[in-house]
Protein backbone atom coordinates (compact mmCIF):
# COMPACT_ATOMS: atom_id res chain seq x y z
CA MET A 1 -212.69 -7.22 -107.42
CA SER A 2 -214.09 -6.34 -104.01
CA ASP A 3 -215.14 -2.91 -102.97
CA LYS A 4 -212.32 -2.77 -100.48
CA LYS A 5 -209.75 -3.37 -103.10
CA TYR A 6 -211.32 -0.79 -105.42
CA VAL A 7 -211.17 1.83 -102.63
CA GLU A 8 -207.59 0.95 -101.74
CA GLN A 9 -206.52 1.58 -105.39
CA LYS A 10 -208.08 5.12 -105.51
CA LEU A 11 -205.52 7.88 -105.39
CA SER A 12 -205.53 9.75 -102.14
CA LEU A 13 -205.15 13.45 -102.17
CA LYS A 14 -201.83 13.15 -100.27
CA SER A 15 -200.53 10.71 -103.01
CA PHE A 16 -201.70 13.14 -105.70
CA TYR A 17 -199.78 16.02 -103.99
CA LEU A 18 -196.64 13.95 -103.46
CA ASN A 19 -196.58 12.98 -107.04
CA ILE A 20 -197.40 16.25 -108.69
CA PRO A 21 -193.65 17.17 -109.03
CA ASN A 22 -193.05 13.97 -110.88
CA ILE A 23 -196.12 13.99 -113.09
CA ASP A 24 -195.10 17.51 -113.99
CA ARG A 25 -191.83 16.32 -115.46
CA ALA A 26 -193.14 13.12 -116.99
CA CYS A 27 -193.97 12.79 -120.69
CA SER A 28 -194.97 9.13 -120.54
CA THR A 29 -194.76 5.99 -118.51
CA VAL A 30 -192.63 2.82 -118.96
CA ILE A 31 -195.84 0.84 -119.49
CA GLU A 32 -197.00 2.97 -122.38
CA ASN A 33 -193.73 2.85 -124.14
CA SER A 34 -193.10 -0.90 -123.69
CA THR A 35 -196.50 -2.33 -124.70
CA ALA A 36 -198.39 -1.92 -127.95
CA ILE A 37 -201.04 0.46 -126.48
CA PHE A 38 -200.11 2.80 -129.33
CA LEU A 39 -199.77 0.79 -132.48
CA PRO A 40 -196.71 1.35 -134.56
CA HIS A 41 -198.52 2.08 -137.76
CA LYS A 42 -200.19 5.17 -139.38
CA ARG A 43 -203.05 3.41 -141.16
CA LEU A 44 -204.95 1.46 -138.50
CA ASP A 45 -207.60 0.60 -140.97
CA LYS A 46 -205.09 -1.50 -142.89
CA THR A 47 -203.85 -3.50 -139.86
CA LYS A 48 -204.90 -6.96 -138.57
CA ALA A 49 -205.34 -5.24 -135.11
CA GLN A 50 -208.31 -3.17 -136.46
CA GLU A 51 -210.04 -6.30 -137.80
CA ARG A 52 -209.66 -8.13 -134.50
CA PHE A 53 -210.72 -5.07 -132.59
CA TYR A 54 -214.11 -4.85 -134.35
CA LYS A 55 -214.67 -8.60 -134.23
CA ASP A 56 -214.24 -8.55 -130.48
CA ASN A 57 -216.68 -5.79 -129.54
CA GLN A 58 -214.13 -2.99 -129.90
CA THR A 59 -211.67 -4.63 -127.54
CA LEU A 60 -208.13 -5.64 -128.42
CA GLU A 61 -205.93 -7.67 -126.18
CA VAL A 62 -202.28 -6.88 -126.71
CA SER A 63 -199.33 -9.01 -125.50
CA SER A 64 -197.33 -7.94 -122.46
CA ASN A 65 -194.52 -9.50 -120.58
CA LEU A 66 -195.28 -7.14 -117.71
CA PHE A 67 -198.87 -8.00 -116.93
CA ASP A 68 -201.51 -10.82 -117.05
CA LYS A 69 -203.67 -8.95 -119.59
CA VAL A 70 -203.64 -5.65 -121.43
CA GLU A 71 -206.83 -4.61 -123.29
CA ILE A 72 -207.55 -1.55 -125.44
CA LYS A 73 -211.18 -0.63 -125.50
CA GLY A 74 -213.35 1.81 -127.36
CA ARG A 75 -210.83 3.22 -129.85
CA LEU A 76 -207.45 1.97 -131.16
CA LEU A 77 -204.66 4.52 -130.96
CA CYS A 78 -201.49 4.75 -132.98
CA GLN A 79 -198.19 6.68 -132.78
CA THR A 80 -199.76 9.72 -134.10
CA HIS A 81 -201.94 9.85 -130.96
CA LYS A 82 -198.93 9.15 -128.77
CA ASP A 83 -197.17 12.10 -130.59
CA ILE A 84 -200.03 14.42 -129.63
CA LEU A 85 -200.17 13.14 -125.98
CA GLU A 86 -196.29 13.86 -125.79
CA VAL A 87 -196.86 17.38 -126.96
CA LEU A 88 -199.51 17.93 -124.28
CA LEU A 89 -197.46 16.31 -121.56
CA THR A 90 -194.45 18.44 -122.29
CA SER A 91 -196.73 21.56 -121.99
CA PRO A 92 -197.51 23.32 -118.69
CA LYS A 93 -199.95 21.46 -116.61
CA ILE A 94 -202.58 22.91 -114.25
CA TYR A 95 -203.45 20.71 -111.22
CA ASN A 96 -206.90 20.45 -109.51
CA LYS A 97 -207.02 19.00 -105.99
CA GLU A 98 -210.71 18.46 -106.23
CA THR A 99 -210.54 16.17 -109.23
CA LYS A 100 -206.94 14.89 -108.63
CA ALA A 101 -206.32 15.54 -112.25
CA PHE A 102 -204.55 18.07 -114.49
CA THR A 103 -205.40 20.32 -117.47
CA VAL A 104 -203.34 21.47 -120.28
CA LYS A 105 -204.22 24.80 -122.05
CA THR A 106 -202.96 25.04 -125.61
CA THR A 107 -204.04 25.80 -129.11
CA ALA A 108 -204.49 23.76 -132.29
CA TYR A 109 -201.78 25.98 -133.87
CA LYS A 110 -199.16 25.08 -131.19
CA ILE A 111 -200.00 21.40 -131.36
CA LEU A 112 -199.66 21.34 -135.16
CA GLN A 113 -196.56 23.37 -134.98
CA ARG A 114 -194.83 21.02 -132.63
CA LEU A 115 -195.98 18.08 -134.91
CA GLY A 116 -194.48 19.82 -137.99
CA LYS A 117 -197.84 19.82 -139.80
CA ALA A 118 -199.79 22.48 -141.61
CA THR A 119 -200.98 24.87 -138.90
CA THR A 120 -204.40 25.39 -140.67
CA ASN A 121 -205.43 21.78 -140.15
CA LYS A 122 -207.38 22.51 -136.89
CA LYS A 123 -210.27 19.94 -137.67
CA TRP A 124 -207.55 17.15 -137.77
CA VAL A 125 -206.38 18.09 -134.21
CA SER A 126 -209.97 18.12 -132.88
CA GLN A 127 -210.57 14.64 -134.50
CA LYS A 128 -207.42 13.15 -132.98
CA LEU A 129 -208.11 14.50 -129.61
CA ASP A 130 -211.64 13.07 -129.69
CA GLU A 131 -210.12 9.70 -130.66
CA ILE A 132 -207.83 9.80 -127.66
CA ALA A 133 -210.71 10.64 -125.47
CA GLU A 134 -212.57 7.55 -126.73
CA CYS A 135 -209.85 5.08 -125.74
CA ARG A 136 -209.64 3.23 -122.37
CA VAL A 137 -206.90 0.83 -121.22
CA LYS A 138 -207.52 -2.04 -118.91
CA ILE A 139 -204.56 -3.74 -117.18
CA LYS A 140 -204.91 -6.82 -115.12
CA PHE A 141 -202.10 -8.05 -112.87
CA ASN A 142 -201.46 -10.04 -109.63
CA SER A 143 -199.58 -8.59 -106.67
CA SER A 144 -198.77 -10.66 -103.57
CA GLY A 145 -201.41 -13.19 -104.50
CA GLU A 146 -204.10 -10.60 -104.93
CA ASP A 147 -205.70 -9.65 -108.42
CA TYR A 148 -205.85 -5.94 -109.37
CA THR A 149 -206.92 -3.88 -112.30
CA PHE A 150 -206.02 -0.55 -113.62
CA ASN A 151 -208.77 0.77 -115.90
CA PHE A 152 -207.99 4.25 -117.23
CA GLY A 153 -208.47 6.76 -120.03
CA PHE A 154 -206.31 9.65 -121.10
CA ILE A 155 -208.55 12.68 -121.89
CA ASP A 156 -211.73 13.39 -119.87
CA ALA A 157 -212.91 16.55 -121.60
CA ILE A 158 -211.89 18.99 -124.33
CA LEU A 159 -213.25 22.53 -123.84
CA GLY A 160 -213.18 25.36 -126.30
CA LYS A 161 -212.81 23.09 -129.38
CA ASN A 162 -213.94 25.69 -131.78
CA ASP A 163 -212.13 28.60 -130.00
CA LYS A 164 -208.54 29.50 -130.33
CA GLU A 165 -207.53 27.82 -127.03
CA TYR A 166 -208.20 24.23 -125.90
CA ALA A 167 -208.47 23.34 -122.27
CA ILE A 168 -207.84 19.61 -122.32
CA LYS A 169 -208.71 17.93 -119.12
CA PHE A 170 -206.85 14.70 -118.45
CA GLU A 171 -208.72 11.88 -116.60
CA ALA A 172 -208.26 11.45 -112.87
CA SER A 173 -207.65 7.78 -113.69
CA TYR A 174 -204.60 8.73 -115.74
CA SER A 175 -203.19 10.75 -112.86
CA HIS A 176 -203.72 7.65 -110.77
CA PHE A 177 -202.05 5.46 -113.33
CA MET A 178 -199.01 7.73 -113.62
CA ALA A 179 -198.67 8.13 -109.76
CA LYS A 180 -198.55 4.45 -109.20
CA ASN A 181 -196.19 3.46 -111.95
CA GLU A 182 -192.66 4.32 -113.23
CA MET A 183 -192.71 7.47 -115.34
CA LEU A 184 -190.34 8.69 -117.89
CA ASP A 185 -188.92 12.17 -118.58
CA TYR A 186 -187.39 12.27 -122.00
CA SER A 187 -188.51 15.78 -122.83
CA LYS A 188 -185.20 16.71 -124.50
CA TYR A 189 -185.83 13.92 -127.01
CA VAL A 190 -189.52 14.61 -127.85
CA ASP A 191 -189.15 17.19 -130.70
CA ASP A 192 -186.68 14.84 -132.46
CA ILE A 193 -189.05 11.91 -132.07
CA LEU A 194 -191.90 13.96 -133.55
CA ALA A 195 -189.73 14.69 -136.52
CA ILE A 196 -189.44 11.05 -137.49
CA ASP A 197 -191.69 10.15 -140.50
CA SER A 198 -192.02 6.42 -139.74
CA ALA A 199 -194.43 5.55 -137.06
CA PHE A 200 -192.61 2.27 -136.54
CA VAL A 201 -189.31 3.88 -136.07
CA ARG A 202 -190.91 6.40 -133.56
CA SER A 203 -192.28 3.34 -131.61
CA VAL A 204 -188.76 1.71 -131.59
CA VAL A 205 -187.21 4.92 -130.18
CA ARG A 206 -189.81 5.23 -127.49
CA TYR A 207 -189.34 1.54 -126.49
CA MET A 208 -185.54 2.05 -126.34
CA LEU A 209 -186.11 5.03 -124.06
CA THR A 210 -187.45 2.74 -121.45
CA ASN A 211 -183.95 1.24 -120.97
CA LYS A 212 -180.95 2.68 -119.16
CA GLY A 213 -179.20 3.87 -122.30
CA ASN A 214 -175.89 2.31 -121.18
CA ASN A 215 -175.22 -0.11 -124.13
CA SER A 216 -178.78 -1.35 -123.78
CA GLN A 217 -179.50 -3.99 -126.39
CA ILE A 218 -182.40 -5.99 -127.71
CA ARG A 219 -182.65 -8.26 -130.83
CA ILE A 220 -185.14 -6.99 -133.42
CA ASN A 221 -186.86 -10.34 -133.36
CA ASN A 222 -187.32 -10.21 -129.65
CA LEU A 223 -188.75 -6.82 -129.84
CA ILE A 224 -191.19 -7.93 -132.52
CA GLU A 225 -192.19 -10.83 -130.17
CA ILE A 226 -192.51 -8.76 -127.05
CA LEU A 227 -194.81 -6.21 -128.85
CA ASN A 228 -196.50 -9.21 -130.66
CA LEU A 229 -196.43 -7.24 -133.85
CA ARG A 230 -197.08 -10.17 -136.10
CA GLU A 231 -200.55 -10.42 -134.51
CA LEU A 232 -201.20 -6.72 -134.97
CA ILE A 233 -199.90 -5.90 -138.53
CA SER A 234 -199.36 -8.02 -141.64
CA GLU A 235 -195.98 -9.55 -142.55
CA GLU A 236 -195.82 -7.13 -145.60
CA GLN A 237 -196.26 -4.17 -143.38
CA LEU A 238 -193.73 -5.44 -140.86
CA LYS A 239 -191.26 -6.06 -143.68
CA ASP A 240 -191.66 -2.48 -144.88
CA ASP A 241 -191.30 -1.15 -141.44
CA LEU A 242 -188.05 -3.05 -140.88
CA THR A 243 -186.77 -1.72 -144.22
CA ASP A 244 -187.40 1.83 -143.00
CA LEU A 245 -185.52 1.07 -139.83
CA ARG A 246 -182.62 -0.35 -141.74
CA ARG A 247 -182.35 2.57 -144.29
CA GLU A 248 -178.85 4.23 -144.18
CA GLU A 249 -180.38 7.77 -143.56
CA THR A 250 -182.57 6.38 -140.80
CA GLN A 251 -179.60 4.78 -139.10
CA GLU A 252 -177.62 8.07 -139.34
CA MET A 253 -180.48 10.01 -137.84
CA LEU A 254 -180.95 7.47 -135.05
CA LYS A 255 -177.25 7.48 -134.14
CA GLU A 256 -177.01 11.28 -134.17
CA LYS A 257 -180.17 12.12 -132.41
CA PHE A 258 -180.69 9.35 -129.98
CA GLY A 259 -177.47 7.21 -129.83
CA ILE A 260 -179.30 4.16 -131.24
CA THR A 261 -177.52 1.92 -133.63
CA LEU A 262 -178.09 -1.36 -135.39
CA THR A 263 -175.48 -3.93 -134.51
CA ASN A 264 -174.86 -7.59 -134.91
CA GLU A 265 -175.39 -7.49 -138.76
CA GLU A 266 -178.51 -5.20 -138.20
CA LYS A 267 -180.22 -7.82 -136.07
CA THR A 268 -179.88 -5.92 -132.73
CA ILE A 269 -180.75 -2.47 -131.56
CA THR A 270 -178.23 -0.83 -129.24
CA TYR A 271 -178.89 2.25 -127.34
CA ASN A 272 -176.35 4.67 -125.62
CA ALA A 273 -178.07 7.83 -124.42
CA THR A 274 -177.10 11.20 -126.01
CA GLU A 275 -179.24 13.35 -123.83
CA PRO A 276 -180.49 13.15 -120.23
CA ARG A 277 -183.65 11.28 -119.64
CA TYR A 278 -184.85 9.93 -116.29
CA HIS A 279 -186.83 7.08 -114.89
CA ILE A 280 -189.17 8.50 -112.28
CA GLN A 281 -190.23 6.20 -109.52
CA PRO A 282 -193.69 6.89 -107.90
CA VAL A 283 -193.80 8.48 -104.50
CA LEU A 284 -195.60 6.13 -102.05
CA ASP A 285 -197.97 7.50 -99.45
CA LEU A 286 -196.59 5.66 -96.39
CA LYS A 287 -198.98 5.85 -93.54
């Protein structure tokens, strides 16, 4: 990529200011929820993805029908990391015009409370925040005949780790990524998502929230193919995950909390929104 293209992709201060109201509302992006950036499994060490990751110099390419290539580098993340990010992104954000980034101030207690975990397990929170900070995502795509790359991380610095309060500084590259792509505000759903025990079911809900929620449908086999799950987890793990999804109690919860049902002999996922959630378009800096 030429220096000119690199400079053109940097987020201007004006763009940062224009997008602050939208970033403030957003708890994710469409891209994060519709690709396997956050793997749908608790035990990454038991997945095929982890084995591939270490064989390829701590890089994992995940399938995407949106981009030419999506790579995860440095550290694989799962739905637990996504849970923590949603907790942080639905907390008050403090914006810095010098860095064009934002900071979230919170405590391990508050994070654990939102996650429904024992509030004494502060070392676990610290470990998971470190893991998020170690991950980078590289997305390659073509626009109008030109090749471009988004290369971003999530967390830049974690201050006060051993104190009562964290100051979690997000990367400027993540502000840039959010400002340039379609964001999602489903804050009214977040606590119900966090309460779901199955990581796979949480990933399904997050994927469905990228849709309009007006009788939106996708065949389960098509979702498995889009997320390339057979290349990331074993057939046995996938079978167990689908069993969790099809349990009667799971289906009752999904219908009540999210308006998600299994139709067509439990081969199709159908979504009719029960709470307001919004697709937020980036605000362009038109010169």
